[in-house]
Amino acid sequence: MIEEVKESNFYRLLVPRLTVLITTVDKEGRDNAAPFSFVMPVSFKPPLLSFACIPRWHTYKNVMATKEFVVNVPAGEMLQALMVCGKPFPEGVSEIDKASLTRVYSAKVKPPRIKEAVAWLECKLIKDIPAGDHHILIGEVLYSQVRKEFWADRRLSVEKVLNPLHISGNLFSIPKEITLAKEGE
């Protein structure tokens, strides 16, 4: 038997999705942190990544004002903090403080990094593309770092990081193993 999925729920078939915490600052330098799972790499040269954001959100407004953002890659242990950061706090209220996370200076941009994350990508906005009720924000990665214990064979050790992968609402998957696929014959 096959079930039809409402068009508005199509994205729920594309799960799980990596969840990151994006930090920004407004014109006054006040920080903001919000979880996003509509994120993807776009290009190797130059190094570009994108995320989809609703224009009324603080993240979008801050990126438009400063043209900078940081993608913080969380470990599974940050899941509850991600949920706190996803709440609709009033403008000027720091989700970083509300989630009891630690801000640290970034190397190339003004928005802070989140100390508890395992990797950081500091980005400069290069393009804003309207896409339905979202905008696709494309950023050039100016600088990236990873905690050494989570980097092996030139990849993030997901089996150690246990990245929270978003399914829907407050449902997440935490990967605990990796599998080697056999090459086609």
N, C-alpha and C. Protein backbone atom coordinates (compact mmCIF):
# COMPACT_ATOMS: atom_id res chain seq x y z
N MET A 1 0.84 -1.18 0.00
CA MET A 1 0.00 0.00 0.00
C MET A 1 0.89 1.25 0.00
N ILE A 2 0.47 2.28 -0.67
CA ILE A 2 1.22 3.53 -0.77
C ILE A 2 0.36 4.65 -0.20
N GLU A 3 1.00 5.55 0.53
CA GLU A 3 0.27 6.69 1.09
C GLU A 3 0.74 7.97 0.44
N GLU A 4 -0.20 8.81 0.07
CA GLU A 4 0.13 10.11 -0.50
C GLU A 4 0.55 11.05 0.63
N VAL A 5 1.59 11.84 0.39
CA VAL A 5 2.09 12.81 1.36
C VAL A 5 1.71 14.20 0.89
N LYS A 6 1.16 15.00 1.78
CA LYS A 6 0.80 16.38 1.42
C LYS A 6 2.04 17.09 0.90
N GLU A 7 1.83 17.96 -0.09
CA GLU A 7 2.95 18.71 -0.66
C GLU A 7 3.70 19.50 0.40
N SER A 8 2.99 20.01 1.39
CA SER A 8 3.63 20.80 2.44
C SER A 8 4.51 19.96 3.36
N ASN A 9 4.41 18.64 3.27
CA ASN A 9 5.21 17.75 4.11
C ASN A 9 6.29 17.00 3.33
N PHE A 10 6.54 17.39 2.08
CA PHE A 10 7.51 16.67 1.25
C PHE A 10 8.87 16.54 1.92
N TYR A 11 9.31 17.58 2.60
CA TYR A 11 10.65 17.60 3.20
C TYR A 11 10.80 16.54 4.29
N ARG A 12 9.71 16.07 4.84
CA ARG A 12 9.76 15.04 5.89
C ARG A 12 10.14 13.68 5.31
N LEU A 13 10.19 13.56 3.99
CA LEU A 13 10.66 12.35 3.35
C LEU A 13 12.18 12.37 3.17
N LEU A 14 12.78 13.54 3.33
CA LEU A 14 14.22 13.72 3.17
C LEU A 14 14.87 13.81 4.54
N VAL A 15 14.82 12.71 5.26
CA VAL A 15 15.33 12.69 6.63
C VAL A 15 16.25 11.50 6.84
N PRO A 16 17.10 11.53 7.83
CA PRO A 16 17.36 12.66 8.72
C PRO A 16 18.29 13.66 8.06
N ARG A 17 18.26 14.90 8.58
CA ARG A 17 19.08 15.98 8.05
C ARG A 17 20.02 16.48 9.14
N LEU A 18 21.27 16.74 8.76
CA LEU A 18 22.24 17.30 9.70
C LEU A 18 21.67 18.59 10.28
N THR A 19 21.76 18.74 11.57
CA THR A 19 21.32 19.96 12.23
C THR A 19 22.55 20.72 12.71
N VAL A 20 22.59 22.00 12.42
CA VAL A 20 23.70 22.85 12.86
C VAL A 20 23.12 24.01 13.66
N LEU A 21 23.98 24.71 14.36
CA LEU A 21 23.58 25.90 15.10
C LEU A 21 24.25 27.09 14.43
N ILE A 22 23.46 27.99 13.88
CA ILE A 22 24.02 29.15 13.18
C ILE A 22 23.98 30.35 14.12
N THR A 23 25.15 30.97 14.27
CA THR A 23 25.24 32.16 15.10
C THR A 23 25.43 33.39 14.22
N THR A 24 24.77 34.48 14.65
CA THR A 24 24.83 35.76 13.94
C THR A 24 24.88 36.86 14.99
N VAL A 25 25.12 38.07 14.53
CA VAL A 25 24.99 39.25 15.39
C VAL A 25 24.18 40.29 14.62
N ASP A 26 23.48 41.15 15.38
CA ASP A 26 22.75 42.24 14.74
C ASP A 26 23.66 43.46 14.64
N LYS A 27 23.13 44.57 14.13
CA LYS A 27 23.94 45.79 13.94
C LYS A 27 24.53 46.30 15.25
N GLU A 28 23.84 46.03 16.37
CA GLU A 28 24.31 46.47 17.68
C GLU A 28 25.31 45.49 18.29
N GLY A 29 25.57 44.37 17.62
CA GLY A 29 26.52 43.39 18.12
C GLY A 29 25.92 42.34 19.04
N ARG A 30 24.57 42.35 19.18
CA ARG A 30 23.90 41.35 20.03
C ARG A 30 23.82 40.03 19.26
N ASP A 31 24.19 38.94 19.95
CA ASP A 31 24.24 37.65 19.25
C ASP A 31 22.91 36.92 19.24
N ASN A 32 22.82 35.98 18.31
CA ASN A 32 21.65 35.15 18.10
C ASN A 32 22.16 33.77 17.70
N ALA A 33 21.47 32.73 18.13
CA ALA A 33 21.82 31.36 17.74
C ALA A 33 20.54 30.61 17.42
N ALA A 34 20.52 29.92 16.30
CA ALA A 34 19.33 29.18 15.89
C ALA A 34 19.73 27.88 15.19
N PRO A 35 18.98 26.79 15.45
CA PRO A 35 19.27 25.53 14.77
C PRO A 35 18.67 25.52 13.36
N PHE A 36 19.39 24.91 12.45
CA PHE A 36 18.94 24.77 11.06
C PHE A 36 19.26 23.37 10.56
N SER A 37 18.31 22.79 9.82
CA SER A 37 18.59 21.50 9.18
C SER A 37 18.45 21.57 7.66
N PHE A 38 18.11 22.73 7.13
CA PHE A 38 18.09 22.93 5.68
C PHE A 38 19.44 23.55 5.30
N VAL A 39 20.51 22.72 5.32
CA VAL A 39 21.89 23.17 5.13
C VAL A 39 22.58 22.23 4.15
N MET A 40 23.42 22.81 3.26
CA MET A 40 24.19 21.94 2.36
C MET A 40 25.42 22.64 1.80
N PRO A 41 26.46 21.84 1.49
CA PRO A 41 27.61 22.40 0.77
C PRO A 41 27.17 22.71 -0.66
N VAL A 42 27.79 23.73 -1.25
CA VAL A 42 27.41 24.15 -2.60
C VAL A 42 28.58 24.04 -3.58
N SER A 43 29.79 24.35 -3.13
CA SER A 43 30.94 24.40 -4.04
C SER A 43 32.24 24.15 -3.27
N PHE A 44 33.22 23.51 -3.98
CA PHE A 44 34.55 23.34 -3.39
C PHE A 44 35.40 24.58 -3.60
N LYS A 45 35.38 25.11 -4.85
CA LYS A 45 36.20 26.27 -5.19
C LYS A 45 35.33 27.31 -5.87
N PRO A 46 35.01 28.38 -5.22
CA PRO A 46 35.36 28.69 -3.83
C PRO A 46 34.54 27.84 -2.87
N PRO A 47 34.99 27.72 -1.61
CA PRO A 47 34.23 26.92 -0.65
C PRO A 47 32.94 27.63 -0.25
N LEU A 48 31.81 27.06 -0.68
CA LEU A 48 30.52 27.69 -0.42
C LEU A 48 29.59 26.70 0.28
N LEU A 49 28.76 27.24 1.16
CA LEU A 49 27.69 26.45 1.75
C LEU A 49 26.44 27.30 1.77
N SER A 50 25.30 26.64 1.92
CA SER A 50 24.04 27.38 1.93
C SER A 50 23.15 26.85 3.04
N PHE A 51 22.22 27.71 3.43
CA PHE A 51 21.15 27.27 4.32
C PHE A 51 19.90 28.06 3.95
N ALA A 52 18.75 27.44 4.21
CA ALA A 52 17.47 28.07 3.90
C ALA A 52 16.90 28.67 5.18
N CYS A 53 16.45 29.91 5.08
CA CYS A 53 15.99 30.65 6.25
C CYS A 53 14.74 31.45 5.90
N ILE A 54 13.83 31.55 6.85
CA ILE A 54 12.63 32.35 6.67
C ILE A 54 12.97 33.82 6.94
N PRO A 55 12.62 34.74 6.06
CA PRO A 55 13.03 36.14 6.18
C PRO A 55 12.60 36.86 7.46
N ARG A 56 11.55 36.44 8.11
CA ARG A 56 11.14 37.15 9.33
C ARG A 56 11.97 36.74 10.56
N TRP A 57 12.79 35.71 10.43
CA TRP A 57 13.60 35.24 11.56
C TRP A 57 14.77 36.18 11.84
N HIS A 58 15.18 36.22 13.09
CA HIS A 58 16.32 37.05 13.50
C HIS A 58 17.59 36.69 12.73
N THR A 59 17.80 35.39 12.49
CA THR A 59 19.00 34.97 11.76
C THR A 59 19.07 35.65 10.41
N TYR A 60 17.99 35.63 9.67
CA TYR A 60 17.98 36.24 8.34
C TYR A 60 18.26 37.73 8.43
N LYS A 61 17.54 38.41 9.32
CA LYS A 61 17.74 39.86 9.47
C LYS A 61 19.17 40.19 9.84
N ASN A 62 19.76 39.40 10.73
CA ASN A 62 21.14 39.66 11.15
C ASN A 62 22.14 39.43 10.02
N VAL A 63 21.94 38.35 9.26
CA VAL A 63 22.85 38.09 8.13
C VAL A 63 22.73 39.20 7.09
N MET A 64 21.53 39.67 6.84
CA MET A 64 21.35 40.76 5.88
C MET A 64 22.04 42.04 6.37
N ALA A 65 22.03 42.27 7.69
CA ALA A 65 22.62 43.49 8.25
C ALA A 65 24.14 43.44 8.29
N THR A 66 24.71 42.25 8.57
CA THR A 66 26.17 42.17 8.79
C THR A 66 26.91 41.39 7.72
N LYS A 67 26.17 40.57 6.94
CA LYS A 67 26.74 39.74 5.87
C LYS A 67 27.67 38.65 6.41
N GLU A 68 27.49 38.23 7.67
CA GLU A 68 28.34 37.21 8.27
C GLU A 68 27.52 36.24 9.10
N PHE A 69 28.03 35.00 9.21
CA PHE A 69 27.43 34.00 10.09
C PHE A 69 28.44 32.89 10.36
N VAL A 70 28.19 32.13 11.42
CA VAL A 70 29.03 30.99 11.76
C VAL A 70 28.14 29.75 11.83
N VAL A 71 28.57 28.70 11.16
CA VAL A 71 27.90 27.41 11.25
C VAL A 71 28.66 26.60 12.30
N ASN A 72 27.99 26.32 13.40
CA ASN A 72 28.56 25.53 14.49
C ASN A 72 28.02 24.12 14.37
N VAL A 73 28.91 23.12 14.25
CA VAL A 73 28.49 21.73 14.11
C VAL A 73 28.43 21.13 15.51
N PRO A 74 27.22 20.76 15.95
CA PRO A 74 27.07 20.26 17.31
C PRO A 74 27.28 18.76 17.44
N ALA A 75 27.60 18.35 18.66
CA ALA A 75 27.61 16.93 19.01
C ALA A 75 26.24 16.58 19.56
N GLY A 76 25.96 15.31 19.66
CA GLY A 76 24.68 14.85 20.17
C GLY A 76 24.35 15.38 21.55
N GLU A 77 25.37 15.61 22.35
CA GLU A 77 25.15 16.10 23.71
C GLU A 77 24.60 17.53 23.74
N MET A 78 24.61 18.21 22.61
CA MET A 78 24.08 19.57 22.52
C MET A 78 22.61 19.61 22.11
N LEU A 79 21.97 18.46 21.98
CA LEU A 79 20.60 18.40 21.47
C LEU A 79 19.63 19.28 22.28
N GLN A 80 19.68 19.22 23.59
CA GLN A 80 18.76 20.03 24.40
C GLN A 80 19.04 21.52 24.22
N ALA A 81 20.31 21.89 24.09
CA ALA A 81 20.65 23.29 23.85
C ALA A 81 20.11 23.75 22.50
N LEU A 82 20.15 22.86 21.49
CA LEU A 82 19.58 23.21 20.18
C LEU A 82 18.09 23.49 20.31
N MET A 83 17.41 22.70 21.11
CA MET A 83 15.97 22.89 21.28
C MET A 83 15.68 24.24 21.97
N VAL A 84 16.51 24.62 22.94
CA VAL A 84 16.34 25.92 23.59
C VAL A 84 16.57 27.03 22.57
N CYS A 85 17.63 26.91 21.78
CA CYS A 85 17.94 27.94 20.79
C CYS A 85 16.86 28.06 19.72
N GLY A 86 16.07 27.02 19.53
CA GLY A 86 15.00 27.04 18.54
C GLY A 86 13.73 27.72 19.02
N LYS A 87 13.69 28.12 20.28
CA LYS A 87 12.49 28.80 20.80
C LYS A 87 12.45 30.24 20.29
N PRO A 88 11.24 30.80 20.15
CA PRO A 88 11.10 32.17 19.61
C PRO A 88 11.29 33.25 20.69
N PHE A 89 12.53 33.51 21.04
CA PHE A 89 12.82 34.56 22.01
C PHE A 89 12.68 35.94 21.35
N PRO A 90 12.37 36.97 22.14
CA PRO A 90 12.29 38.32 21.58
C PRO A 90 13.64 38.78 21.04
N GLU A 91 13.60 39.68 20.08
CA GLU A 91 14.82 40.24 19.52
C GLU A 91 15.67 40.83 20.65
N GLY A 92 16.98 40.57 20.59
CA GLY A 92 17.89 41.08 21.60
C GLY A 92 18.15 40.12 22.74
N VAL A 93 17.34 39.07 22.88
CA VAL A 93 17.56 38.05 23.90
C VAL A 93 18.52 37.02 23.32
N SER A 94 19.59 36.70 24.03
CA SER A 94 20.59 35.78 23.52
C SER A 94 20.21 34.33 23.79
N GLU A 95 20.01 33.58 22.73
CA GLU A 95 19.74 32.15 22.84
C GLU A 95 20.96 31.43 23.42
N ILE A 96 22.14 31.97 23.17
CA ILE A 96 23.36 31.37 23.70
C ILE A 96 23.30 31.36 25.23
N ASP A 97 22.91 32.48 25.82
CA ASP A 97 22.76 32.54 27.27
C ASP A 97 21.63 31.65 27.75
N LYS A 98 20.49 31.70 27.08
CA LYS A 98 19.33 30.90 27.49
C LYS A 98 19.64 29.40 27.46
N ALA A 99 20.50 28.97 26.54
CA ALA A 99 20.85 27.55 26.40
C ALA A 99 22.09 27.18 27.23
N SER A 100 22.62 28.14 28.00
CA SER A 100 23.82 27.93 28.82
C SER A 100 25.01 27.45 27.98
N LEU A 101 25.14 28.02 26.78
CA LEU A 101 26.28 27.72 25.92
C LEU A 101 27.34 28.80 26.12
N THR A 102 28.52 28.54 25.59
CA THR A 102 29.65 29.46 25.77
C THR A 102 30.04 30.07 24.44
N ARG A 103 30.03 31.40 24.37
CA ARG A 103 30.47 32.08 23.14
C ARG A 103 31.98 32.29 23.22
N VAL A 104 32.61 32.12 22.08
CA VAL A 104 34.05 32.41 21.95
C VAL A 104 34.23 33.22 20.67
N TYR A 105 35.32 33.99 20.63
CA TYR A 105 35.59 34.81 19.45
C TYR A 105 35.84 33.95 18.23
N SER A 106 35.36 34.43 17.10
CA SER A 106 35.66 33.80 15.81
C SER A 106 36.96 34.39 15.29
N ALA A 107 37.57 33.71 14.33
CA ALA A 107 38.85 34.16 13.78
C ALA A 107 38.68 35.23 12.70
N LYS A 108 37.61 35.14 11.88
CA LYS A 108 37.48 36.02 10.72
C LYS A 108 36.18 36.83 10.66
N VAL A 109 35.19 36.50 11.49
CA VAL A 109 33.91 37.18 11.44
C VAL A 109 33.49 37.63 12.84
N LYS A 110 32.49 38.52 12.90
CA LYS A 110 32.02 39.04 14.20
C LYS A 110 31.13 38.09 14.97
N PRO A 111 30.23 37.32 14.33
CA PRO A 111 29.41 36.41 15.13
C PRO A 111 30.28 35.43 15.91
N PRO A 112 29.88 35.11 17.13
CA PRO A 112 30.70 34.20 17.93
C PRO A 112 30.55 32.75 17.50
N ARG A 113 31.52 31.98 17.90
CA ARG A 113 31.43 30.53 17.79
C ARG A 113 30.82 30.02 19.10
N ILE A 114 30.35 28.80 19.05
CA ILE A 114 29.86 28.13 20.25
C ILE A 114 30.94 27.14 20.68
N LYS A 115 31.50 27.37 21.86
CA LYS A 115 32.61 26.55 22.36
C LYS A 115 32.28 25.06 22.40
N GLU A 116 31.05 24.72 22.76
CA GLU A 116 30.66 23.32 22.93
C GLU A 116 30.53 22.57 21.60
N ALA A 117 30.52 23.26 20.48
CA ALA A 117 30.43 22.60 19.17
C ALA A 117 31.73 21.85 18.88
N VAL A 118 31.69 20.99 17.87
CA VAL A 118 32.89 20.21 17.51
C VAL A 118 33.59 20.76 16.28
N ALA A 119 32.89 21.59 15.50
CA ALA A 119 33.49 22.19 14.31
C ALA A 119 32.80 23.53 14.04
N TRP A 120 33.52 24.41 13.32
CA TRP A 120 33.01 25.75 13.07
C TRP A 120 33.38 26.16 11.65
N LEU A 121 32.42 26.78 10.96
CA LEU A 121 32.66 27.32 9.63
C LEU A 121 32.25 28.78 9.66
N GLU A 122 33.23 29.65 9.53
CA GLU A 122 32.97 31.09 9.55
C GLU A 122 32.73 31.54 8.11
N CYS A 123 31.61 32.23 7.91
CA CYS A 123 31.17 32.52 6.54
C CYS A 123 30.83 33.99 6.31
N LYS A 124 31.03 34.37 5.04
CA LYS A 124 30.64 35.70 4.55
C LYS A 124 29.55 35.48 3.51
N LEU A 125 28.43 36.18 3.67
CA LEU A 125 27.33 36.06 2.73
C LEU A 125 27.75 36.54 1.35
N ILE A 126 27.47 35.73 0.33
CA ILE A 126 27.74 36.18 -1.04
C ILE A 126 26.48 36.25 -1.89
N LYS A 127 25.41 35.55 -1.45
CA LYS A 127 24.19 35.57 -2.26
C LYS A 127 22.98 35.24 -1.41
N ASP A 128 21.89 35.93 -1.71
CA ASP A 128 20.59 35.71 -1.08
C ASP A 128 19.61 35.43 -2.20
N ILE A 129 19.04 34.23 -2.21
CA ILE A 129 18.15 33.83 -3.29
C ILE A 129 16.75 33.54 -2.72
N PRO A 130 15.75 34.35 -3.08
CA PRO A 130 14.38 34.04 -2.63
C PRO A 130 13.96 32.67 -3.19
N ALA A 131 13.34 31.86 -2.33
CA ALA A 131 12.90 30.52 -2.73
C ALA A 131 11.63 30.18 -1.97
N GLY A 132 10.49 30.59 -2.51
CA GLY A 132 9.22 30.34 -1.84
C GLY A 132 9.15 31.12 -0.54
N ASP A 133 8.77 30.44 0.55
CA ASP A 133 8.66 31.12 1.84
C ASP A 133 10.00 31.23 2.57
N HIS A 134 11.05 30.68 1.98
CA HIS A 134 12.41 30.77 2.53
C HIS A 134 13.29 31.60 1.59
N HIS A 135 14.47 31.92 2.07
CA HIS A 135 15.54 32.46 1.23
C HIS A 135 16.72 31.52 1.39
N ILE A 136 17.42 31.27 0.29
CA ILE A 136 18.63 30.47 0.35
C ILE A 136 19.79 31.44 0.49
N LEU A 137 20.50 31.32 1.60
CA LEU A 137 21.65 32.18 1.87
C LEU A 137 22.91 31.38 1.57
N ILE A 138 23.72 31.90 0.67
CA ILE A 138 24.96 31.22 0.30
C ILE A 138 26.12 32.01 0.89
N GLY A 139 26.96 31.29 1.63
CA GLY A 139 28.10 31.93 2.26
C GLY A 139 29.41 31.30 1.81
N GLU A 140 30.41 32.14 1.68
CA GLU A 140 31.75 31.64 1.41
C GLU A 140 32.40 31.31 2.74
N VAL A 141 32.95 30.11 2.84
CA VAL A 141 33.63 29.70 4.07
C VAL A 141 35.00 30.37 4.09
N LEU A 142 35.16 31.30 5.03
CA LEU A 142 36.42 32.04 5.16
C LEU A 142 37.42 31.30 6.04
N TYR A 143 36.90 30.50 6.96
CA TYR A 143 37.76 29.82 7.93
C TYR A 143 36.98 28.68 8.56
N SER A 144 37.63 27.54 8.73
CA SER A 144 36.96 26.42 9.40
C SER A 144 37.94 25.70 10.30
N GLN A 145 37.41 25.16 11.37
CA GLN A 145 38.20 24.38 12.32
C GLN A 145 37.36 23.24 12.85
N VAL A 146 38.05 22.23 13.39
CA VAL A 146 37.39 21.08 14.00
C VAL A 146 38.22 20.65 15.20
N ARG A 147 37.58 20.14 16.21
CA ARG A 147 38.30 19.56 17.34
C ARG A 147 39.03 18.32 16.82
N LYS A 148 40.32 18.25 17.13
CA LYS A 148 41.17 17.20 16.60
C LYS A 148 40.64 15.79 16.87
N GLU A 149 40.06 15.58 18.04
CA GLU A 149 39.58 14.23 18.39
C GLU A 149 38.38 13.79 17.55
N PHE A 150 37.77 14.72 16.81
CA PHE A 150 36.63 14.38 15.97
C PHE A 150 36.97 14.40 14.48
N TRP A 151 38.26 14.45 14.15
CA TRP A 151 38.70 14.51 12.75
C TRP A 151 39.58 13.30 12.47
N ALA A 152 39.19 12.47 11.50
CA ALA A 152 39.98 11.29 11.14
C ALA A 152 39.82 11.04 9.65
N ASP A 153 40.91 10.72 9.00
CA ASP A 153 40.88 10.41 7.56
C ASP A 153 40.22 11.52 6.74
N ARG A 154 40.50 12.76 7.10
CA ARG A 154 39.98 13.94 6.40
C ARG A 154 38.45 13.98 6.37
N ARG A 155 37.82 13.56 7.47
CA ARG A 155 36.37 13.62 7.60
C ARG A 155 35.99 13.75 9.06
N LEU A 156 34.79 14.26 9.28
CA LEU A 156 34.26 14.35 10.62
C LEU A 156 33.90 12.93 11.09
N SER A 157 34.36 12.55 12.24
CA SER A 157 34.09 11.22 12.79
C SER A 157 32.69 11.19 13.40
N VAL A 158 31.70 10.98 12.55
CA VAL A 158 30.31 11.02 13.03
C VAL A 158 30.04 9.97 14.10
N GLU A 159 30.80 8.88 14.06
CA GLU A 159 30.62 7.85 15.06
C GLU A 159 31.08 8.29 16.45
N LYS A 160 31.89 9.35 16.51
CA LYS A 160 32.31 9.93 17.79
C LYS A 160 31.47 11.16 18.13
N VAL A 161 31.15 11.95 17.12
CA VAL A 161 30.42 13.20 17.33
C VAL A 161 28.96 12.93 17.72
N LEU A 162 28.35 11.93 17.08
CA LEU A 162 26.94 11.61 17.29
C LEU A 162 26.07 12.82 16.97
N ASN A 163 26.27 13.38 15.78
CA ASN A 163 25.51 14.55 15.33
C ASN A 163 24.02 14.34 15.47
N PRO A 164 23.30 15.35 15.99
CA PRO A 164 21.85 15.26 15.97
C PRO A 164 21.35 15.47 14.53
N LEU A 165 20.57 14.52 14.05
CA LEU A 165 20.01 14.59 12.71
C LEU A 165 18.51 14.79 12.85
N HIS A 166 17.99 15.87 12.24
CA HIS A 166 16.59 16.25 12.42
C HIS A 166 15.67 15.38 11.58
N ILE A 167 14.59 14.93 12.19
CA ILE A 167 13.57 14.16 11.49
C ILE A 167 12.34 15.04 11.29
N SER A 168 11.77 15.54 12.39
CA SER A 168 10.58 16.38 12.32
C SER A 168 10.28 16.89 13.73
N GLY A 169 9.87 18.16 13.84
CA GLY A 169 9.53 18.70 15.16
C GLY A 169 10.66 18.50 16.15
N ASN A 170 10.39 17.80 17.24
CA ASN A 170 11.44 17.54 18.22
C ASN A 170 11.97 16.11 18.12
N LEU A 171 11.80 15.47 16.95
CA LEU A 171 12.34 14.13 16.72
C LEU A 171 13.69 14.22 16.02
N PHE A 172 14.67 13.50 16.58
CA PHE A 172 16.02 13.48 16.04
C PHE A 172 16.53 12.05 15.99
N SER A 173 17.51 11.83 15.16
CA SER A 173 18.22 10.55 15.10
C SER A 173 19.68 10.85 15.46
N ILE A 174 20.29 9.95 16.19
CA ILE A 174 21.70 10.10 16.55
C ILE A 174 22.44 8.90 15.95
N PRO A 175 23.30 9.12 14.94
CA PRO A 175 24.01 7.99 14.33
C PRO A 175 25.05 7.43 15.29
N LYS A 176 25.12 6.11 15.36
CA LYS A 176 26.06 5.49 16.28
C LYS A 176 27.10 4.63 15.56
N GLU A 177 26.92 4.45 14.26
CA GLU A 177 27.89 3.66 13.51
C GLU A 177 27.92 4.13 12.06
N ILE A 178 28.99 3.75 11.38
CA ILE A 178 29.07 4.01 9.95
C ILE A 178 29.22 2.67 9.25
N THR A 179 28.80 2.61 8.02
CA THR A 179 28.85 1.38 7.25
C THR A 179 29.57 1.65 5.94
N LEU A 180 30.43 0.75 5.55
CA LEU A 180 31.15 0.86 4.29
C LEU A 180 30.32 0.20 3.20
N ALA A 181 29.93 0.98 2.20
CA ALA A 181 29.16 0.43 1.08
C ALA A 181 30.10 -0.25 0.10
N LYS A 182 29.67 -1.34 -0.47
CA LYS A 182 30.47 -2.04 -1.48
C LYS A 182 30.37 -1.27 -2.78
N GLU A 183 31.45 -1.23 -3.52
CA GLU A 183 31.45 -0.56 -4.80
C GLU A 183 30.64 -1.38 -5.80
N GLY A 184 30.00 -0.67 -6.74
CA GLY A 184 29.20 -1.35 -7.77
C GLY A 184 30.05 -2.25 -8.62
N GLU A 185 29.44 -3.29 -9.14
CA GLU A 185 30.19 -4.26 -9.96
C GLU A 185 29.79 -4.18 -11.40
